[in-house]
C-alpha atoms as a PDB file:
ATOM      1  CA  MET A   1     -11.575 -21.793 -27.796  1.00  0.00           C
ATOM      2  CA  GLU A   2     -13.776 -23.429 -25.177  1.00  0.00           C
ATOM      3  CA  LYS A   3     -17.180 -24.732 -26.167  1.00  0.00           C
ATOM      4  CA  ALA A   4     -20.023 -22.350 -25.362  1.00  0.00           C
ATOM      5  CA  ILE A   5     -22.384 -23.293 -22.523  1.00  0.00           C
ATOM      6  CA  ASN A   6     -25.981 -23.865 -23.546  1.00  0.00           C
ATOM      7  CA  HIS A   7     -27.551 -21.678 -20.870  1.00  0.00           C
ATOM      8  CA  ARG A   8     -31.055 -22.677 -21.945  1.00  0.00           C
ATOM      9  CA  LYS A   9     -30.415 -26.163 -20.563  1.00  0.00           C
ATOM     10  CA  LEU A  10     -29.522 -24.867 -17.095  1.00  0.00           C
ATOM     11  CA  PRO A  11     -32.179 -25.337 -14.402  1.00  0.00           C
ATOM     12  CA  PRO A  12     -33.218 -22.111 -12.616  1.00  0.00           C
ATOM     13  CA  LEU A  13     -30.205 -21.486 -10.374  1.00  0.00           C
ATOM     14  CA  LYS A  14     -32.238 -19.945  -7.553  1.00  0.00           C
ATOM     15  CA  THR A  15     -34.124 -23.236  -7.174  1.00  0.00           C
ATOM     16  CA  LEU A  16     -30.965 -25.213  -6.376  1.00  0.00           C
ATOM     17  CA  SER A  17     -30.595 -23.762  -2.875  1.00  0.00           C
ATOM     18  CA  GLY A  18     -34.153 -24.709  -1.971  1.00  0.00           C
ATOM     19  CA  PHE A  19     -33.734 -28.196  -3.379  1.00  0.00           C
ATOM     20  CA  GLU A  20     -30.350 -28.780  -1.654  1.00  0.00           C
ATOM     21  CA  ALA A  21     -31.631 -27.692   1.763  1.00  0.00           C
ATOM     22  CA  THR A  22     -34.865 -29.696   1.425  1.00  0.00           C
ATOM     23  CA  ALA A  23     -33.032 -32.818   0.245  1.00  0.00           C
ATOM     24  CA  ARG A  24     -30.526 -32.586   3.091  1.00  0.00           C
ATOM     25  CA  LEU A  25     -33.098 -31.876   5.803  1.00  0.00           C
ATOM     26  CA  LEU A  26     -36.008 -33.805   4.202  1.00  0.00           C
ATOM     27  CA  SER A  27     -38.357 -31.057   5.296  1.00  0.00           C
ATOM     28  CA  PHE A  28     -39.833 -28.021   3.544  1.00  0.00           C
ATOM     29  CA  ARG A  29     -40.329 -26.368   6.935  1.00  0.00           C
ATOM     30  CA  LYS A  30     -36.748 -26.830   8.109  1.00  0.00           C
ATOM     31  CA  ALA A  31     -35.363 -25.767   4.716  1.00  0.00           C
ATOM     32  CA  ALA A  32     -37.480 -22.624   4.841  1.00  0.00           C
ATOM     33  CA  GLN A  33     -36.167 -21.782   8.325  1.00  0.00           C
ATOM     34  CA  GLU A  34     -32.547 -22.354   7.273  1.00  0.00           C
ATOM     35  CA  LEU A  35     -32.840 -20.158   4.171  1.00  0.00           C
ATOM     36  CA  ASN A  36     -34.998 -17.566   5.903  1.00  0.00           C
ATOM     37  CA  LEU A  37     -37.815 -18.111   3.389  1.00  0.00           C
ATOM     38  CA  SER A  38     -41.474 -19.023   3.692  1.00  0.00           C
ATOM     39  CA  HIS A  39     -42.719 -22.607   3.418  1.00  0.00           C
ATOM     40  CA  PRO A  40     -44.621 -21.805   0.170  1.00  0.00           C
ATOM     41  CA  ALA A  41     -41.482 -20.201  -1.333  1.00  0.00           C
ATOM     42  CA  ILE A  42     -39.465 -23.390  -0.805  1.00  0.00           C
ATOM     43  CA  SER A  43     -42.303 -25.545  -2.163  1.00  0.00           C
ATOM     44  CA  HIS A  44     -42.480 -23.310  -5.234  1.00  0.00           C
ATOM     45  CA  GLN A  45     -38.700 -23.590  -5.830  1.00  0.00           C
ATOM     46  CA  VAL A  46     -38.814 -27.382  -5.702  1.00  0.00           C
ATOM     47  CA  LEU A  47     -41.887 -27.537  -7.954  1.00  0.00           C
ATOM     48  CA  SER A  48     -40.231 -25.179 -10.442  1.00  0.00           C
ATOM     49  CA  LEU A  49     -37.093 -27.358 -10.516  1.00  0.00           C
ATOM     50  CA  GLU A  50     -39.149 -30.544 -10.979  1.00  0.00           C
ATOM     51  CA  THR A  51     -41.041 -28.915 -13.851  1.00  0.00           C
ATOM     52  CA  ASN A  52     -37.802 -27.845 -15.524  1.00  0.00           C
ATOM     53  CA  LEU A  53     -36.194 -31.282 -15.165  1.00  0.00           C
ATOM     54  CA  GLY A  54     -39.344 -33.190 -16.027  1.00  0.00           C
ATOM     55  CA  VAL A  55     -38.990 -35.555 -13.051  1.00  0.00           C
ATOM     56  CA  LYS A  56     -40.319 -35.804  -9.515  1.00  0.00           C
ATOM     57  CA  LEU A  57     -37.615 -35.250  -6.911  1.00  0.00           C
ATOM     58  CA  PHE A  58     -39.539 -35.972  -3.672  1.00  0.00           C
ATOM     59  CA  ASN A  59     -42.225 -38.414  -2.471  1.00  0.00           C
ATOM     60  CA  ARG A  60     -44.136 -38.528   0.754  1.00  0.00           C
ATOM     61  CA  LYS A  61     -44.364 -41.662   2.861  1.00  0.00           C
ATOM     62  CA  GLY A  62     -46.986 -40.812   5.389  1.00  0.00           C
ATOM     63  CA  ARG A  63     -45.785 -37.605   7.029  1.00  0.00           C
ATOM     64  CA  GLN A  64     -42.167 -38.183   6.004  1.00  0.00           C
ATOM     65  CA  MET A  65     -40.578 -36.721   2.887  1.00  0.00           C
ATOM     66  CA  VAL A  66     -38.126 -38.904   0.922  1.00  0.00           C
ATOM     67  CA  LEU A  67     -36.048 -38.416  -2.201  1.00  0.00           C
ATOM     68  CA  THR A  68     -37.053 -40.222  -5.354  1.00  0.00           C
ATOM     69  CA  PRO A  69     -34.306 -42.172  -7.190  1.00  0.00           C
ATOM     70  CA  GLU A  70     -33.983 -39.153  -9.534  1.00  0.00           C
ATOM     71  CA  GLY A  71     -33.727 -36.845  -6.543  1.00  0.00           C
ATOM     72  CA  GLU A  72     -31.009 -39.012  -4.977  1.00  0.00           C
ATOM     73  CA  ARG A  73     -28.992 -38.857  -8.210  1.00  0.00           C
ATOM     74  CA  PHE A  74     -29.442 -35.113  -8.608  1.00  0.00           C
ATOM     75  CA  TYR A  75     -28.703 -34.121  -4.992  1.00  0.00           C
ATOM     76  CA  PRO A  76     -24.887 -34.628  -5.051  1.00  0.00           C
ATOM     77  CA  ILE A  77     -24.729 -32.877  -8.442  1.00  0.00           C
ATOM     78  CA  ALA A  78     -26.608 -29.843  -7.142  1.00  0.00           C
ATOM     79  CA  ARG A  79     -24.564 -29.746  -3.928  1.00  0.00           C
ATOM     80  CA  ARG A  80     -21.227 -29.884  -5.775  1.00  0.00           C
ATOM     81  CA  ALA A  81     -22.358 -27.112  -8.117  1.00  0.00           C
ATOM     82  CA  LEU A  82     -23.361 -24.887  -5.189  1.00  0.00           C
ATOM     83  CA  GLU A  83     -20.128 -25.624  -3.317  1.00  0.00           C
ATOM     84  CA  GLU A  84     -18.065 -24.753  -6.419  1.00  0.00           C
ATOM     85  CA  LEU A  85     -19.905 -21.462  -6.789  1.00  0.00           C
ATOM     86  CA  ILE A  86     -19.458 -20.643  -3.100  1.00  0.00           C
ATOM     87  CA  ASN A  87     -15.753 -21.540  -3.071  1.00  0.00           C
ATOM     88  CA  GLY A  88     -15.049 -19.547  -6.236  1.00  0.00           C
ATOM     89  CA  SER A  89     -16.963 -16.547  -4.943  1.00  0.00           C
ATOM     90  CA  GLU A  90     -15.163 -16.639  -1.583  1.00  0.00           C
ATOM     91  CA  MET A  91     -11.792 -16.840  -3.324  1.00  0.00           C
ATOM     92  CA  LEU A  92     -12.569 -13.661  -5.245  1.00  0.00           C
ATOM     93  CA  ARG A  93     -13.892 -11.923  -2.129  1.00  0.00           C
ATOM     94  CA  ARG A  94     -10.738 -12.809  -0.190  1.00  0.00           C
ATOM     95  CA  SER A  95      -8.441 -11.626  -2.967  1.00  0.00           C
ATOM     96  CA  ALA A  96     -10.330  -8.341  -3.151  1.00  0.00           C
ATOM     97  CA  ALA A  97     -10.269  -7.892   0.616  1.00  0.00           C
ATOM     98  CA  VAL A  98      -6.534  -8.509   1.016  1.00  0.00           C
ATOM     99  CA  LYS A  99      -5.281  -5.805  -1.318  1.00  0.00           C
ATOM    100  CA  PRO A 100      -2.071  -4.355   0.142  1.00  0.00           C
ATOM    101  CA  LEU A 101      -1.845  -0.757   1.260  1.00  0.00           C
ATOM    102  CA  ARG A 102       0.456   0.848  -1.314  1.00  0.00           C
ATOM    103  CA  ILE A 103       2.960   3.373   0.062  1.00  0.00           C
ATOM    104  CA  GLN A 104       4.872   5.457  -2.468  1.00  0.00           C
ATOM    105  CA  THR A 105       8.144   7.119  -1.550  1.00  0.00           C
ATOM    106  CA  TYR A 106      11.683   7.572  -2.831  1.00  0.00           C
ATOM    107  CA  ILE A 107      14.052   4.649  -2.652  1.00  0.00           C
ATOM    108  CA  SER A 108      16.446   6.577  -0.380  1.00  0.00           C
ATOM    109  CA  VAL A 109      13.645   7.208   2.120  1.00  0.00           C
ATOM    110  CA  SER A 110      12.605   3.545   1.987  1.00  0.00           C
ATOM    111  CA  ILE A 111      16.121   2.243   2.561  1.00  0.00           C
ATOM    112  CA  ARG A 112      17.398   4.739   5.101  1.00  0.00           C
ATOM    113  CA  TRP A 113      14.310   5.673   7.123  1.00  0.00           C
ATOM    114  CA  LEU A 114      10.874   4.172   6.479  1.00  0.00           C
ATOM    115  CA  SER A 115      11.763   0.469   6.253  1.00  0.00           C
ATOM    116  CA  HIS A 116      13.328   0.580   9.741  1.00  0.00           C
ATOM    117  CA  ARG A 117      10.079   1.869  11.229  1.00  0.00           C
ATOM    118  CA  LEU A 118       7.639  -0.548   9.649  1.00  0.00           C
ATOM    119  CA  SER A 119       8.184  -3.334  12.175  1.00  0.00           C
ATOM    120  CA  ARG A 120       6.371  -1.114  14.672  1.00  0.00           C
ATOM    121  CA  PHE A 121       3.474  -0.633  12.268  1.00  0.00           C
ATOM    122  CA  ARG A 122       3.217  -4.371  11.614  1.00  0.00           C
ATOM    123  CA  ALA A 123       3.206  -5.061  15.335  1.00  0.00           C
ATOM    124  CA  ALA A 124       0.376  -2.556  15.835  1.00  0.00           C
ATOM    125  CA  HIS A 125      -1.584  -3.596  12.725  1.00  0.00           C
ATOM    126  CA  PRO A 126      -0.760  -7.233  11.869  1.00  0.00           C
ATOM    127  CA  GLY A 127      -3.766  -7.536   9.571  1.00  0.00           C
ATOM    128  CA  ILE A 128      -2.647  -4.836   7.129  1.00  0.00           C
ATOM    129  CA  GLU A 129      -0.349  -5.842   4.289  1.00  0.00           C
ATOM    130  CA  LEU A 130       1.984  -3.090   3.070  1.00  0.00           C
ATOM    131  CA  GLN A 131       3.538  -2.662  -0.352  1.00  0.00           C
ATOM    132  CA  LEU A 132       6.350  -0.120  -0.738  1.00  0.00           C
ATOM    133  CA  ILE A 133       6.537   1.520  -4.143  1.00  0.00           C
ATOM    134  CA  SER A 134       9.937   3.183  -4.388  1.00  0.00           C
ATOM    135  CA  SER A 135      11.246   5.445  -7.110  1.00  0.00           C
ATOM    136  CA  ILE A 136      14.762   6.742  -7.643  1.00  0.00           C
ATOM    137  CA  GLU A 137      13.792  10.150  -8.926  1.00  0.00           C
ATOM    138  CA  GLU A 138      11.826  12.771  -7.035  1.00  0.00           C
ATOM    139  CA  GLN A 139       8.261  12.807  -8.299  1.00  0.00           C
ATOM    140  CA  ASP A 140       4.737  13.808  -7.380  1.00  0.00           C
ATOM    141  CA  PHE A 141       2.246  11.496  -5.733  1.00  0.00           C
ATOM    142  CA  ASP A 142       1.144   8.818  -8.206  1.00  0.00           C
ATOM    143  CA  GLU A 143      -2.448   8.499  -7.017  1.00  0.00           C
ATOM    144  CA  SER A 144      -3.372   5.950  -9.686  1.00  0.00           C
ATOM    145  CA  ASN A 145      -0.793   3.418  -8.447  1.00  0.00           C
ATOM    146  CA  ALA A 146      -0.434   4.251  -4.737  1.00  0.00           C
ATOM    147  CA  ASP A 147      -2.762   4.841  -1.813  1.00  0.00           C
ATOM    148  CA  ILE A 148      -0.438   7.056   0.233  1.00  0.00           C
ATOM    149  CA  GLY A 149       2.605   9.065  -0.779  1.00  0.00           C
ATOM    150  CA  LEU A 150       5.467   9.925   1.565  1.00  0.00           C
ATOM    151  CA  ILE A 151       7.027  12.718  -0.449  1.00  0.00           C
ATOM    152  CA  PHE A 152       8.904  16.017  -0.241  1.00  0.00           C
ATOM    153  CA  SER A 153       6.903  18.981  -1.456  1.00  0.00           C
ATOM    154  CA  ARG A 154       7.814  22.618  -2.021  1.00  0.00           C
ATOM    155  CA  THR A 155       4.280  23.690  -2.945  1.00  0.00           C
ATOM    156  CA  ALA A 156       0.744  23.283  -1.597  1.00  0.00           C
ATOM    157  CA  ALA A 157      -1.032  20.022  -2.407  1.00  0.00           C
ATOM    158  CA  PRO A 158      -3.771  20.012  -5.078  1.00  0.00           C
ATOM    159  CA  SER A 159      -7.237  20.594  -3.642  1.00  0.00           C
ATOM    160  CA  HIS A 160      -8.347  16.960  -3.984  1.00  0.00           C
ATOM    161  CA  LEU A 161      -5.357  15.684  -1.997  1.00  0.00           C
ATOM    162  CA  ALA A 162      -4.888  15.750   1.765  1.00  0.00           C
ATOM    163  CA  TRP A 163      -1.507  16.705   3.227  1.00  0.00           C
ATOM    164  CA  GLU A 164      -0.198  15.603   6.634  1.00  0.00           C
ATOM    165  CA  PRO A 165       3.122  17.353   7.401  1.00  0.00           C
ATOM    166  CA  LEU A 166       5.752  15.128   9.026  1.00  0.00           C
ATOM    167  CA  ILE A 167       9.168  16.763   8.848  1.00  0.00           C
ATOM    168  CA  ARG A 168      10.388  20.255   7.999  1.00  0.00           C
ATOM    169  CA  PRO A 169      13.994  19.447   7.203  1.00  0.00           C
ATOM    170  CA  ALA A 170      17.116  21.571   7.248  1.00  0.00           C
ATOM    171  CA  LEU A 171      19.222  21.236   4.109  1.00  0.00           C
ATOM    172  CA  ARG A 172      22.799  20.692   5.287  1.00  0.00           C
ATOM    173  CA  PRO A 173      26.019  19.324   3.785  1.00  0.00           C
ATOM    174  CA  VAL A 174      27.471  16.065   5.109  1.00  0.00           C
ATOM    175  CA  CYS A 175      30.721  14.246   4.509  1.00  0.00           C
ATOM    176  CA  HIS A 176      33.216  11.872   6.100  1.00  0.00           C
ATOM    177  CA  PRO A 177      35.208  13.604   8.865  1.00  0.00           C
ATOM    178  CA  SER A 178      38.567  12.805   7.245  1.00  0.00           C
ATOM    179  CA  LEU A 179      37.663  14.614   4.024  1.00  0.00           C
ATOM    180  CA  VAL A 180      37.623  18.002   5.777  1.00  0.00           C
ATOM    181  CA  SER A 181      40.022  17.162   8.613  1.00  0.00           C
ATOM    182  CA  HIS A 182      37.079  17.050  11.038  1.00  0.00           C
ATOM    183  CA  GLN A 183      36.209  20.703  10.462  1.00  0.00           C
ATOM    184  CA  THR A 184      32.601  21.692  11.142  1.00  0.00           C
ATOM    185  CA  ASP A 185      32.670  25.440  10.451  1.00  0.00           C
ATOM    186  CA  LEU A 186      33.678  25.688   6.804  1.00  0.00           C
ATOM    187  CA  GLN A 187      32.422  28.694   4.872  1.00  0.00           C
ATOM    188  CA  PRO A 188      30.531  28.251   1.580  1.00  0.00           C
ATOM    189  CA  GLU A 189      33.532  29.304  -0.494  1.00  0.00           C
ATOM    190  CA  GLU A 190      35.612  26.669   1.313  1.00  0.00           C
ATOM    191  CA  ILE A 191      32.964  23.999   0.723  1.00  0.00           C
ATOM    192  CA  LEU A 192      33.254  24.730  -2.975  1.00  0.00           C
ATOM    193  CA  GLN A 193      36.872  23.555  -2.941  1.00  0.00           C
ATOM    194  CA  TYR A 194      35.791  19.971  -2.271  1.00  0.00           C
ATOM    195  CA  PRO A 195      34.075  17.513  -4.633  1.00  0.00           C
ATOM    196  CA  LEU A 196      30.327  18.141  -4.388  1.00  0.00           C
ATOM    197  CA  ILE A 197      28.017  15.165  -4.832  1.00  0.00           C
ATOM    198  CA  THR A 198      24.853  16.024  -6.741  1.00  0.00           C
ATOM    199  CA  VAL A 199      21.656  13.976  -7.012  1.00  0.00           C
ATOM    200  CA  THR A 200      20.449  14.399 -10.585  1.00  0.00           C
ATOM    201  CA  SER A 201      16.785  14.875  -9.667  1.00  0.00           C
ATOM    202  CA  GLU A 202      17.698  17.439  -6.978  1.00  0.00           C
ATOM    203  CA  ARG A 203      20.255  19.642  -8.702  1.00  0.00           C
ATOM    204  CA  TRP A 204      18.503  22.672  -7.235  1.00  0.00           C
ATOM    205  CA  GLN A 205      19.710  21.818  -3.737  1.00  0.00           C
ATOM    206  CA  TRP A 206      23.317  22.990  -3.996  1.00  0.00           C
ATOM    207  CA  GLN A 207      22.317  26.191  -5.761  1.00  0.00           C
ATOM    208  CA  ASP A 208      19.683  26.956  -3.117  1.00  0.00           C
ATOM    209  CA  TRP A 209      22.109  26.172  -0.311  1.00  0.00           C
ATOM    210  CA  PHE A 210      24.784  28.512  -1.655  1.00  0.00           C
ATOM    211  CA  GLU A 211      22.269  31.273  -2.431  1.00  0.00           C
ATOM    212  CA  ALA A 212      20.768  31.052   1.069  1.00  0.00           C
ATOM    213  CA  ALA A 213      24.285  31.471   2.446  1.00  0.00           C
ATOM    214  CA  GLY A 214      24.660  34.662   0.410  1.00  0.00           C
ATOM    215  CA  PHE A 215      27.275  33.155  -1.872  1.00  0.00           C
ATOM    216  CA  CYS A 216      27.040  33.021  -5.651  1.00  0.00           C
ATOM    217  CA  ALA A 217      28.637  29.690  -6.504  1.00  0.00           C
ATOM    218  CA  SER A 218      30.010  28.816  -9.892  1.00  0.00           C
ATOM    219  CA  GLN A 219      30.074  25.222 -11.060  1.00  0.00           C
ATOM    220  CA  PRO A 220      32.207  23.010  -8.770  1.00  0.00           C
ATOM    221  CA  ASN A 221      35.600  22.038 -10.105  1.00  0.00           C
ATOM    222  CA  ARG A 222      35.159  18.307  -9.485  1.00  0.00           C
ATOM    223  CA  PRO A 223      31.451  17.504  -9.643  1.00  0.00           C
ATOM    224  CA  LEU A 224      30.115  14.046  -8.853  1.00  0.00           C
ATOM    225  CA  SER A 225      26.619  12.998  -9.834  1.00  0.00           C
ATOM    226  CA  THR A 226      24.326  10.100  -8.937  1.00  0.00           C
ATOM    227  CA  ASP A 227      20.625   9.364  -9.304  1.00  0.00           C
ATOM    228  CA  SER A 228      19.971   8.454  -5.665  1.00  0.00           C
ATOM    229  CA  THR A 229      20.394  10.196  -2.309  1.00  0.00           C
ATOM    230  CA  ALA A 230      21.169   6.790  -0.769  1.00  0.00           C
ATOM    231  CA  ILE A 231      24.135   6.406  -3.128  1.00  0.00           C
ATOM    232  CA  ALA A 232      25.197  10.001  -2.539  1.00  0.00           C
ATOM    233  CA  LEU A 233      25.336   9.345   1.218  1.00  0.00           C
ATOM    234  CA  GLU A 234      27.329   6.136   0.714  1.00  0.00           C
ATOM    235  CA  MET A 235      29.797   8.065  -1.447  1.00  0.00           C
ATOM    236  CA  ALA A 236      30.045  10.743   1.225  1.00  0.00           C
ATOM    237  CA  MET A 237      30.762   8.121   3.920  1.00  0.00           C
ATOM    238  CA  ASP A 238      33.501   6.730   1.684  1.00  0.00           C
ATOM    239  CA  GLY A 239      35.163  10.151   1.576  1.00  0.00           C
ATOM    240  CA  GLU A 240      34.355  10.760  -2.088  1.00  0.00           C
ATOM    241  CA  GLY A 241      32.893  14.220  -1.553  1.00  0.00           C
ATOM    242  CA  ILE A 242      30.285  16.351   0.210  1.00  0.00           C
ATOM    243  CA  ALA A 243      26.592  15.549  -0.194  1.00  0.00           C
ATOM    244  CA  LEU A 244      23.497  17.456   0.861  1.00  0.00           C
ATOM    245  CA  LEU A 245      21.075  15.955   3.364  1.00  0.00           C
ATOM    246  CA  ASN A 246      17.430  17.021   3.296  1.00  0.00           C
ATOM    247  CA  GLY A 247      15.890  15.107   6.181  1.00  0.00           C
ATOM    248  CA  PRO A 248      16.603  12.699   9.052  1.00  0.00           C
ATOM    249  CA  PHE A 249      17.910  10.007   6.739  1.00  0.00           C
ATOM    250  CA  ALA A 250      21.449   9.776   8.089  1.00  0.00           C
ATOM    251  CA  ASP A 251      20.910  10.297  11.828  1.00  0.00           C
ATOM    252  CA  LYS A 252      22.538   6.969  12.731  1.00  0.00           C
ATOM    253  CA  ASP A 253      25.591   7.767  10.611  1.00  0.00           C
ATOM    254  CA  LEU A 254      25.907  11.227  12.153  1.00  0.00           C
ATOM    255  CA  LYS A 255      25.650   9.819  15.691  1.00  0.00           C
ATOM    256  CA  ALA A 256      28.177   7.098  14.874  1.00  0.00           C
ATOM    257  CA  GLY A 257      30.622   9.613  13.412  1.00  0.00           C
ATOM    258  CA  ARG A 258      30.570   8.151   9.919  1.00  0.00           C
ATOM    259  CA  LEU A 259      29.305  11.525   8.729  1.00  0.00           C
ATOM    260  CA  ILE A 260      29.628  15.072  10.018  1.00  0.00           C
ATOM    261  CA  HIS A 261      28.245  18.448   9.030  1.00  0.00           C
ATOM    262  CA  PRO A 262      31.263  20.330   7.671  1.00  0.00           C
ATOM    263  CA  SER A 263      29.383  23.648   7.812  1.00  0.00           C
ATOM    264  CA  GLU A 264      26.993  25.223  10.264  1.00  0.00           C
ATOM    265  CA  HIS A 265      24.921  26.769   7.497  1.00  0.00           C
ATOM    266  CA  ALA A 266      21.501  25.144   6.986  1.00  0.00           C
ATOM    267  CA  VAL A 267      18.451  26.035   4.893  1.00  0.00           C
ATOM    268  CA  SER A 268      15.086  25.175   6.411  1.00  0.00           C
ATOM    269  CA  ASN A 269      12.477  26.962   4.280  1.00  0.00           C
ATOM    270  CA  LEU A 270      12.608  24.924   1.101  1.00  0.00           C
ATOM    271  CA  GLY A 271       9.652  22.611   1.701  1.00  0.00           C
ATOM    272  CA  GLU A 272       8.589  19.733   3.915  1.00  0.00           C
ATOM    273  CA  TRP A 273       8.150  15.978   4.037  1.00  0.00           C
ATOM    274  CA  GLY A 274       4.638  14.684   4.517  1.00  0.00           C
ATOM    275  CA  LEU A 275       1.971  12.130   3.760  1.00  0.00           C
ATOM    276  CA  THR A 276      -0.466  12.731   0.947  1.00  0.00           C
ATOM    277  CA  TYR A 277      -3.505  10.796  -0.209  1.00  0.00           C
ATOM    278  CA  ARG A 278      -6.814  11.429  -1.940  1.00  0.00           C
ATOM    279  CA  LYS A 279      -9.277  13.053   0.447  1.00  0.00           C
ATOM    280  CA  ASP A 280     -12.053  10.710  -0.632  1.00  0.00           C
ATOM    281  CA  THR A 281     -10.030   7.656   0.523  1.00  0.00           C
ATOM    282  CA  ARG A 282      -9.367   8.725   4.128  1.00  0.00           C
ATOM    283  CA  PRO A 283     -12.432   6.823   5.434  1.00  0.00           C
ATOM    284  CA  GLN A 284     -10.743   3.571   4.343  1.00  0.00           C
ATOM    285  CA  PRO A 285      -9.574   1.833   7.558  1.00  0.00           C
ATOM    286  CA  ASP A 286      -6.095   0.905   6.246  1.00  0.00           C
ATOM    287  CA  ILE A 287      -5.304   4.457   5.126  1.00  0.00           C
ATOM    288  CA  GLU A 288      -6.670   5.916   8.344  1.00  0.00           C
ATOM    289  CA  ALA A 289      -4.602   3.446  10.390  1.00  0.00           C
ATOM    290  CA  PHE A 290      -1.335   4.173   8.575  1.00  0.00           C
ATOM    291  CA  VAL A 291      -1.714   7.953   8.711  1.00  0.00           C
ATOM    292  CA  ARG A 292      -2.568   7.936  12.421  1.00  0.00           C
ATOM    293  CA  TRP A 293       0.269   5.504  13.179  1.00  0.00           C
ATOM    294  CA  MET A 294       2.857   7.515  11.234  1.00  0.00           C
ATOM    295  CA  LEU A 295       1.917  10.775  12.944  1.00  0.00           C
ATOM    296  CA  GLN A 296       2.184   9.121  16.351  1.00  0.00           C
ATOM    297  CA  ASP A 297       5.342   7.164  15.546  1.00  0.00           C
ATOM    298  CA  ILE A 298       7.253  10.200  14.319  1.00  0.00           C
ATOM    299  CA  SER A 299       6.312  12.082  17.493  1.00  0.00           C
ATOM    300  CA  GLU A 300       7.622   9.200  19.611  1.00  0.00           C
ATOM    301  CA  HIS A 301      10.618   8.338  17.416  1.00  0.00           C
ATOM    302  CA  PRO A 302      11.752  11.579  15.711  1.00  0.00           C
END
């Protein structure tokens, strides 16, 4: 345990600024101007410090002010103490000012969609540091650990949260072309004959897709399960089965032919992707900048 500081032996801290400026400038008047104080206020600070220390710090030689030997010894001590306080305070201010903007989303969205867009945000806002907080499982906005959530929601946001809609996706199956012999018009009962890849946190998707198609599906014969949409899509591209896609997270793979939609049936009324954040934080410049940028970027780069 460190030894306690005897605070009673400290000189009045507010007097050190007046003494340092006066000793450096050798003028009460100039010190008062620098510190935006009155001449009597500076004189009082120096007198108070001299009284506390029990020594005289300044003498006058004619109209010129000079440091006494005690003042000359004390000046570098006082200056170092003030510099240490200033440097330590500035370090804390900088660390508080450079807090990253925390963006929460699912790991599949980070890997397959958001991370590829962020270079444009950094180019537009180089002074804002971003921190991606990714989770495997679908979850609500964690407002205690994130500033903005990019999430999928099937219900209205709580009243204290803002909601900025981004994408209203169509839930559609995807797979490698070879798995279904390049067919793109399979019926739901035909889809059921293939291995279906299920994301554990989104088991509702296949049931909703079949029900929306007017087909009551029993359990698939050869189910596959994973905890991540990103993994499900990789498995689909490897020909392991058919996955469900709930957003624009495989557009490049669809354009390149690594994936196809084996059925024309899509469900588009199950919810939407959007940005959410606490309403009382929107005035913060970083949050405002990211929300405005994302809305513009998605309109320019769907």
